[in-house]
Amino acid sequence: MNFLIYLIVGGIAGWLASIMMKRDGSQGIILNVVVGIIGGFLGGILLPMVGLGFGGTIGFLITAFIGAVVLLLIVNLFTRGRAR
């Protein structure tokens, strides 16, 4: 059951991050889920380093969203040569 929740939360976080970073047109639903899940891991590593921590499902969404934005920022740096 947790795996399904991770997929849903990761998909929502990846989708919101792709809209914010203006990459929504170039990504499909599968890539949004992948970006959201990897972003969740990235956010889970980075946020405690700066002293932030969120709990619960909304906290997981916020963490995954922040991580997904950071991930898409890094991808933009490599694919477009600059961050947006």
N, C-alpha and C. Protein backbone atom coordinates (compact mmCIF):
# COMPACT_ATOMS: atom_id res chain seq x y z
N MET A 1 0.82 -1.19 0.00
CA MET A 1 0.00 0.00 0.00
C MET A 1 0.87 1.26 0.00
N ASN A 2 1.97 1.25 0.77
CA ASN A 2 2.85 2.42 0.80
C ASN A 2 3.45 2.70 -0.57
N PHE A 3 3.74 1.64 -1.33
CA PHE A 3 4.31 1.82 -2.66
C PHE A 3 3.35 2.61 -3.56
N LEU A 4 2.06 2.31 -3.47
CA LEU A 4 1.06 3.02 -4.26
C LEU A 4 0.99 4.49 -3.84
N ILE A 5 1.09 4.75 -2.56
CA ILE A 5 1.08 6.12 -2.06
C ILE A 5 2.31 6.88 -2.55
N TYR A 6 3.47 6.22 -2.55
CA TYR A 6 4.70 6.85 -3.06
C TYR A 6 4.56 7.18 -4.54
N LEU A 7 3.94 6.31 -5.31
CA LEU A 7 3.74 6.57 -6.73
C LEU A 7 2.82 7.77 -6.96
N ILE A 8 1.74 7.81 -6.21
CA ILE A 8 0.78 8.91 -6.36
C ILE A 8 1.39 10.23 -5.92
N VAL A 9 2.01 10.25 -4.75
CA VAL A 9 2.63 11.48 -4.24
C VAL A 9 3.79 11.90 -5.16
N GLY A 10 4.59 10.93 -5.61
CA GLY A 10 5.68 11.24 -6.54
C GLY A 10 5.18 11.79 -7.86
N GLY A 11 4.09 11.23 -8.35
CA GLY A 11 3.51 11.74 -9.60
C GLY A 11 3.01 13.17 -9.46
N ILE A 12 2.33 13.45 -8.37
CA ILE A 12 1.83 14.81 -8.15
C ILE A 12 2.99 15.79 -7.97
N ALA A 13 3.98 15.41 -7.19
CA ALA A 13 5.14 16.29 -6.96
C ALA A 13 5.90 16.52 -8.26
N GLY A 14 6.12 15.47 -9.04
CA GLY A 14 6.82 15.62 -10.32
C GLY A 14 6.05 16.47 -11.30
N TRP A 15 4.74 16.30 -11.33
CA TRP A 15 3.90 17.09 -12.22
C TRP A 15 3.92 18.57 -11.83
N LEU A 16 3.78 18.86 -10.54
CA LEU A 16 3.82 20.26 -10.09
C LEU A 16 5.19 20.89 -10.34
N ALA A 17 6.25 20.12 -10.11
CA ALA A 17 7.60 20.64 -10.35
C ALA A 17 7.84 20.89 -11.84
N SER A 18 7.32 20.00 -12.69
CA SER A 18 7.51 20.19 -14.13
C SER A 18 6.74 21.41 -14.63
N ILE A 19 5.59 21.69 -14.04
CA ILE A 19 4.84 22.91 -14.40
C ILE A 19 5.62 24.14 -13.95
N MET A 20 6.14 24.10 -12.73
CA MET A 20 6.89 25.24 -12.20
C MET A 20 8.15 25.52 -13.01
N MET A 21 8.82 24.45 -13.45
CA MET A 21 10.06 24.60 -14.20
C MET A 21 9.83 24.68 -15.71
N LYS A 22 8.58 24.75 -16.13
CA LYS A 22 8.18 24.89 -17.54
C LYS A 22 8.72 23.74 -18.40
N ARG A 23 8.63 22.52 -17.87
CA ARG A 23 9.03 21.32 -18.61
C ARG A 23 7.85 20.37 -18.80
N ASP A 24 6.66 20.84 -18.50
CA ASP A 24 5.49 19.97 -18.53
C ASP A 24 5.20 19.45 -19.93
N GLY A 25 5.45 20.26 -20.95
CA GLY A 25 5.19 19.84 -22.32
C GLY A 25 6.13 18.76 -22.81
N SER A 26 7.32 18.67 -22.23
CA SER A 26 8.30 17.70 -22.70
C SER A 26 8.32 16.42 -21.87
N GLN A 27 7.52 16.35 -20.82
CA GLN A 27 7.49 15.19 -19.95
C GLN A 27 6.12 14.53 -20.00
N GLY A 28 6.11 13.23 -19.93
CA GLY A 28 4.86 12.49 -19.82
C GLY A 28 4.60 12.11 -18.38
N ILE A 29 3.54 11.36 -18.16
CA ILE A 29 3.16 10.99 -16.80
C ILE A 29 4.19 10.08 -16.15
N ILE A 30 4.79 9.17 -16.93
CA ILE A 30 5.79 8.26 -16.36
C ILE A 30 7.01 9.04 -15.89
N LEU A 31 7.48 9.98 -16.70
CA LEU A 31 8.64 10.77 -16.31
C LEU A 31 8.32 11.68 -15.13
N ASN A 32 7.09 12.18 -15.05
CA ASN A 32 6.69 12.97 -13.88
C ASN A 32 6.77 12.15 -12.60
N VAL A 33 6.32 10.89 -12.66
CA VAL A 33 6.38 10.02 -11.50
C VAL A 33 7.84 9.74 -11.12
N VAL A 34 8.66 9.45 -12.12
CA VAL A 34 10.08 9.17 -11.87
C VAL A 34 10.76 10.40 -11.25
N VAL A 35 10.51 11.57 -11.81
CA VAL A 35 11.10 12.80 -11.27
C VAL A 35 10.62 13.04 -9.85
N GLY A 36 9.35 12.79 -9.58
CA GLY A 36 8.81 12.98 -8.24
C GLY A 36 9.41 12.02 -7.22
N ILE A 37 9.60 10.76 -7.62
CA ILE A 37 10.16 9.78 -6.69
C ILE A 37 11.64 10.06 -6.43
N ILE A 38 12.40 10.34 -7.49
CA ILE A 38 13.81 10.69 -7.30
C ILE A 38 13.92 12.00 -6.53
N GLY A 39 13.02 12.94 -6.83
CA GLY A 39 12.99 14.19 -6.08
C GLY A 39 12.68 13.98 -4.61
N GLY A 40 11.84 12.99 -4.30
CA GLY A 40 11.54 12.66 -2.91
C GLY A 40 12.78 12.18 -2.17
N PHE A 41 13.56 11.32 -2.83
CA PHE A 41 14.81 10.87 -2.22
C PHE A 41 15.79 12.03 -2.07
N LEU A 42 15.90 12.85 -3.11
CA LEU A 42 16.80 14.00 -3.08
C LEU A 42 16.39 14.99 -2.00
N GLY A 43 15.10 15.29 -1.93
CA GLY A 43 14.61 16.19 -0.89
C GLY A 43 14.79 15.61 0.50
N GLY A 44 14.62 14.30 0.62
CA GLY A 44 14.83 13.64 1.91
C GLY A 44 16.27 13.70 2.38
N ILE A 45 17.19 13.82 1.44
CA ILE A 45 18.60 13.95 1.80
C ILE A 45 18.96 15.41 2.07
N LEU A 46 18.48 16.31 1.21
CA LEU A 46 18.89 17.72 1.28
C LEU A 46 18.21 18.50 2.41
N LEU A 47 16.92 18.30 2.63
CA LEU A 47 16.20 19.12 3.60
C LEU A 47 16.72 18.94 5.04
N PRO A 48 17.01 17.73 5.51
CA PRO A 48 17.58 17.63 6.86
C PRO A 48 18.94 18.30 7.00
N MET A 49 19.68 18.41 5.89
CA MET A 49 20.98 19.08 5.94
C MET A 49 20.84 20.57 6.26
N VAL A 50 19.72 21.16 5.85
CA VAL A 50 19.49 22.58 6.14
C VAL A 50 18.56 22.78 7.34
N GLY A 51 18.23 21.68 8.02
CA GLY A 51 17.45 21.78 9.25
C GLY A 51 15.95 21.75 9.06
N LEU A 52 15.46 21.32 7.91
CA LEU A 52 14.02 21.24 7.67
C LEU A 52 13.58 19.79 7.65
N GLY A 53 12.39 19.56 8.14
CA GLY A 53 11.81 18.22 8.10
C GLY A 53 10.30 18.32 8.12
N PHE A 54 9.65 17.55 7.27
CA PHE A 54 8.19 17.57 7.19
C PHE A 54 7.69 16.15 7.43
N GLY A 55 6.56 16.01 8.10
CA GLY A 55 5.99 14.70 8.36
C GLY A 55 4.62 14.57 7.73
N GLY A 56 4.16 13.35 7.62
CA GLY A 56 2.84 13.08 7.06
C GLY A 56 2.84 13.10 5.55
N THR A 57 1.68 12.83 4.98
CA THR A 57 1.55 12.76 3.52
C THR A 57 1.81 14.12 2.87
N ILE A 58 1.31 15.19 3.46
CA ILE A 58 1.56 16.53 2.91
C ILE A 58 3.04 16.86 3.01
N GLY A 59 3.67 16.44 4.09
CA GLY A 59 5.11 16.65 4.24
C GLY A 59 5.91 15.91 3.19
N PHE A 60 5.47 14.67 2.88
CA PHE A 60 6.14 13.91 1.82
C PHE A 60 5.98 14.61 0.48
N LEU A 61 4.80 15.18 0.25
CA LEU A 61 4.55 15.90 -1.01
C LEU A 61 5.44 17.13 -1.10
N ILE A 62 5.54 17.88 -0.03
CA ILE A 62 6.39 19.08 -0.02
C ILE A 62 7.85 18.71 -0.22
N THR A 63 8.31 17.67 0.47
CA THR A 63 9.70 17.21 0.33
C THR A 63 9.98 16.75 -1.09
N ALA A 64 9.07 15.95 -1.65
CA ALA A 64 9.25 15.45 -3.02
C ALA A 64 9.20 16.59 -4.02
N PHE A 65 8.34 17.57 -3.79
CA PHE A 65 8.24 18.72 -4.70
C PHE A 65 9.54 19.52 -4.70
N ILE A 66 10.07 19.81 -3.53
CA ILE A 66 11.31 20.57 -3.44
C ILE A 66 12.46 19.80 -4.08
N GLY A 67 12.53 18.51 -3.81
CA GLY A 67 13.56 17.68 -4.43
C GLY A 67 13.41 17.59 -5.93
N ALA A 68 12.17 17.50 -6.42
CA ALA A 68 11.93 17.43 -7.86
C ALA A 68 12.31 18.74 -8.55
N VAL A 69 12.04 19.86 -7.91
CA VAL A 69 12.44 21.15 -8.48
C VAL A 69 13.96 21.23 -8.57
N VAL A 70 14.66 20.79 -7.52
CA VAL A 70 16.12 20.79 -7.54
C VAL A 70 16.63 19.86 -8.65
N LEU A 71 16.01 18.69 -8.78
CA LEU A 71 16.40 17.74 -9.82
C LEU A 71 16.19 18.33 -11.21
N LEU A 72 15.05 18.96 -11.45
CA LEU A 72 14.79 19.56 -12.76
C LEU A 72 15.70 20.76 -13.02
N LEU A 73 16.08 21.47 -11.97
CA LEU A 73 17.03 22.56 -12.13
C LEU A 73 18.38 22.03 -12.59
N ILE A 74 18.81 20.92 -12.00
CA ILE A 74 20.07 20.30 -12.42
C ILE A 74 19.97 19.79 -13.85
N VAL A 75 18.84 19.17 -14.21
CA VAL A 75 18.64 18.69 -15.58
C VAL A 75 18.66 19.86 -16.56
N ASN A 76 18.02 20.97 -16.19
CA ASN A 76 18.03 22.16 -17.06
C ASN A 76 19.44 22.69 -17.27
N LEU A 77 20.26 22.64 -16.24
CA LEU A 77 21.64 23.11 -16.37
C LEU A 77 22.41 22.31 -17.41
N PHE A 78 22.17 20.99 -17.44
CA PHE A 78 22.89 20.14 -18.38
C PHE A 78 22.30 20.14 -19.78
N THR A 79 20.97 20.24 -19.89
CA THR A 79 20.35 20.14 -21.20
C THR A 79 20.24 21.48 -21.91
N ARG A 80 20.09 22.55 -21.19
CA ARG A 80 19.91 23.85 -21.82
C ARG A 80 21.07 24.80 -21.56
N GLY A 81 21.97 24.43 -20.70
CA GLY A 81 23.13 25.28 -20.43
C GLY A 81 22.88 26.38 -19.43
N ARG A 82 21.65 26.48 -18.93
CA ARG A 82 21.34 27.51 -17.93
C ARG A 82 20.12 27.08 -17.14
N ALA A 83 19.98 27.63 -15.96
CA ALA A 83 18.82 27.35 -15.11
C ALA A 83 17.76 28.38 -15.40
N ARG A 84 16.51 27.97 -15.32
CA ARG A 84 15.41 28.91 -15.50
C ARG A 84 14.84 29.27 -14.15
